[in-house]
Amino acid sequence: MPCGMQITWLKHVNALSKNVEYLVSRDKKIMGSKNGHAPIFLWYNLNMKGCRGFQKEVQKCLRNAHYFKDR
């Protein structure tokens, strides 16, 4: 499930969000973003592993990708 995540200051989120009539809150997602599971999973991992732990996981994924590409 491909996804992206943008980490920014709250003031920027507030500037880009908008009120939605049928919601009691502001819409803060990037337009066209439908799947909420992937960003929540990334947020959870960042909070549980920290930036360094997440970097290690990315490096492991890249090593695996190179390994399988070269097989």
C-alpha atoms as a PDB file:
ATOM      1  CA  MET A   1       0.000   0.000   0.000  1.00  0.00           C
ATOM      2  CA  PRO A   2       1.950   3.052  -1.197  1.00  0.00           C
ATOM      3  CA  CYS A   3       1.645   6.214   0.819  1.00  0.00           C
ATOM      4  CA  GLY A   4       3.511   9.322   1.822  1.00  0.00           C
ATOM      5  CA  MET A   5       3.698  11.347   4.962  1.00  0.00           C
ATOM      6  CA  GLN A   6       4.478  14.994   5.484  1.00  0.00           C
ATOM      7  CA  ILE A   7       5.603  16.208   8.889  1.00  0.00           C
ATOM      8  CA  THR A   8       5.117  19.902   9.445  1.00  0.00           C
ATOM      9  CA  TRP A   9       4.415  22.524  12.078  1.00  0.00           C
ATOM     10  CA  LEU A  10       0.839  22.869  13.346  1.00  0.00           C
ATOM     11  CA  LYS A  11       0.615  26.460  12.052  1.00  0.00           C
ATOM     12  CA  HIS A  12       1.109  25.152   8.498  1.00  0.00           C
ATOM     13  CA  VAL A  13      -1.501  22.424   8.972  1.00  0.00           C
ATOM     14  CA  ASN A  14      -3.989  25.003  10.184  1.00  0.00           C
ATOM     15  CA  ALA A  15      -3.247  27.247   7.212  1.00  0.00           C
ATOM     16  CA  LEU A  16      -3.922  24.424   4.735  1.00  0.00           C
ATOM     17  CA  SER A  17      -6.935  22.848   6.437  1.00  0.00           C
ATOM     18  CA  LYS A  18     -10.510  23.824   5.743  1.00  0.00           C
ATOM     19  CA  ASN A  19     -13.928  23.519   7.342  1.00  0.00           C
ATOM     20  CA  VAL A  20     -16.165  20.782   5.993  1.00  0.00           C
ATOM     21  CA  GLU A  21     -19.909  21.255   6.377  1.00  0.00           C
ATOM     22  CA  TYR A  22     -20.728  17.640   7.228  1.00  0.00           C
ATOM     23  CA  LEU A  23     -17.885  17.299   9.765  1.00  0.00           C
ATOM     24  CA  VAL A  24     -17.609  18.930  13.149  1.00  0.00           C
ATOM     25  CA  SER A  25     -13.886  19.418  12.584  1.00  0.00           C
ATOM     26  CA  ARG A  26     -11.498  20.730   9.982  1.00  0.00           C
ATOM     27  CA  ASP A  27     -10.302  18.578   7.088  1.00  0.00           C
ATOM     28  CA  LYS A  28      -6.511  18.303   7.386  1.00  0.00           C
ATOM     29  CA  LYS A  29      -5.745  15.611   4.838  1.00  0.00           C
ATOM     30  CA  ILE A  30      -4.164  16.199   1.471  1.00  0.00           C
ATOM     31  CA  MET A  31      -6.823  16.288  -1.203  1.00  0.00           C
ATOM     32  CA  GLY A  32      -7.244  12.942  -2.910  1.00  0.00           C
ATOM     33  CA  SER A  33      -5.959  11.031   0.102  1.00  0.00           C
ATOM     34  CA  LYS A  34      -8.399   8.223   0.826  1.00  0.00           C
ATOM     35  CA  ASN A  35      -6.599   5.516   2.782  1.00  0.00           C
ATOM     36  CA  GLY A  36      -5.960   6.479   6.392  1.00  0.00           C
ATOM     37  CA  HIS A  37      -4.329   3.216   7.472  1.00  0.00           C
ATOM     38  CA  ALA A  38      -0.893   3.794   5.954  1.00  0.00           C
ATOM     39  CA  PRO A  39      -0.325   7.257   7.498  1.00  0.00           C
ATOM     40  CA  ILE A  40      -1.515   5.973  10.888  1.00  0.00           C
ATOM     41  CA  PHE A  41       0.873   3.024  10.591  1.00  0.00           C
ATOM     42  CA  LEU A  42       3.768   5.380   9.768  1.00  0.00           C
ATOM     43  CA  TRP A  43       2.863   7.686  12.664  1.00  0.00           C
ATOM     44  CA  TYR A  44       2.705   4.728  15.043  1.00  0.00           C
ATOM     45  CA  ASN A  45       6.097   3.442  13.906  1.00  0.00           C
ATOM     46  CA  LEU A  46       7.710   6.868  14.216  1.00  0.00           C
ATOM     47  CA  ASN A  47       6.355   7.205  17.740  1.00  0.00           C
ATOM     48  CA  MET A  48       7.289   3.677  18.831  1.00  0.00           C
ATOM     49  CA  LYS A  49      10.719   3.409  17.197  1.00  0.00           C
ATOM     50  CA  GLY A  50      11.750   7.042  17.048  1.00  0.00           C
ATOM     51  CA  CYS A  51      13.497   8.599  14.081  1.00  0.00           C
ATOM     52  CA  ARG A  52      16.660   6.525  14.513  1.00  0.00           C
ATOM     53  CA  GLY A  53      14.748   3.252  14.706  1.00  0.00           C
ATOM     54  CA  PHE A  54      12.713   4.191  11.644  1.00  0.00           C
ATOM     55  CA  GLN A  55      15.925   5.060   9.762  1.00  0.00           C
ATOM     56  CA  LYS A  56      17.336   1.624  10.615  1.00  0.00           C
ATOM     57  CA  GLU A  57      14.200  -0.040   9.268  1.00  0.00           C
ATOM     58  CA  VAL A  58      14.421   1.939   6.019  1.00  0.00           C
ATOM     59  CA  GLN A  59      18.091   0.978   5.633  1.00  0.00           C
ATOM     60  CA  LYS A  60      17.174  -2.689   6.141  1.00  0.00           C
ATOM     61  CA  CYS A  61      14.451  -2.426   3.480  1.00  0.00           C
ATOM     62  CA  LEU A  62      16.932  -0.861   1.045  1.00  0.00           C
ATOM     63  CA  ARG A  63      19.502  -3.597   1.709  1.00  0.00           C
ATOM     64  CA  ASN A  64      16.827  -6.235   1.090  1.00  0.00           C
ATOM     65  CA  ALA A  65      15.760  -4.512  -2.138  1.00  0.00           C
ATOM     66  CA  HIS A  66      19.370  -4.485  -3.416  1.00  0.00           C
ATOM     67  CA  TYR A  67      19.811  -8.117  -2.410  1.00  0.00           C
ATOM     68  CA  PHE A  68      16.702  -9.272  -4.273  1.00  0.00           C
ATOM     69  CA  LYS A  69      17.469  -7.089  -7.285  1.00  0.00           C
ATOM     70  CA  ASP A  70      20.901  -8.692  -7.644  1.00  0.00           C
ATOM     71  CA  ARG A  71      19.642 -12.307  -7.299  1.00  0.00           C
END
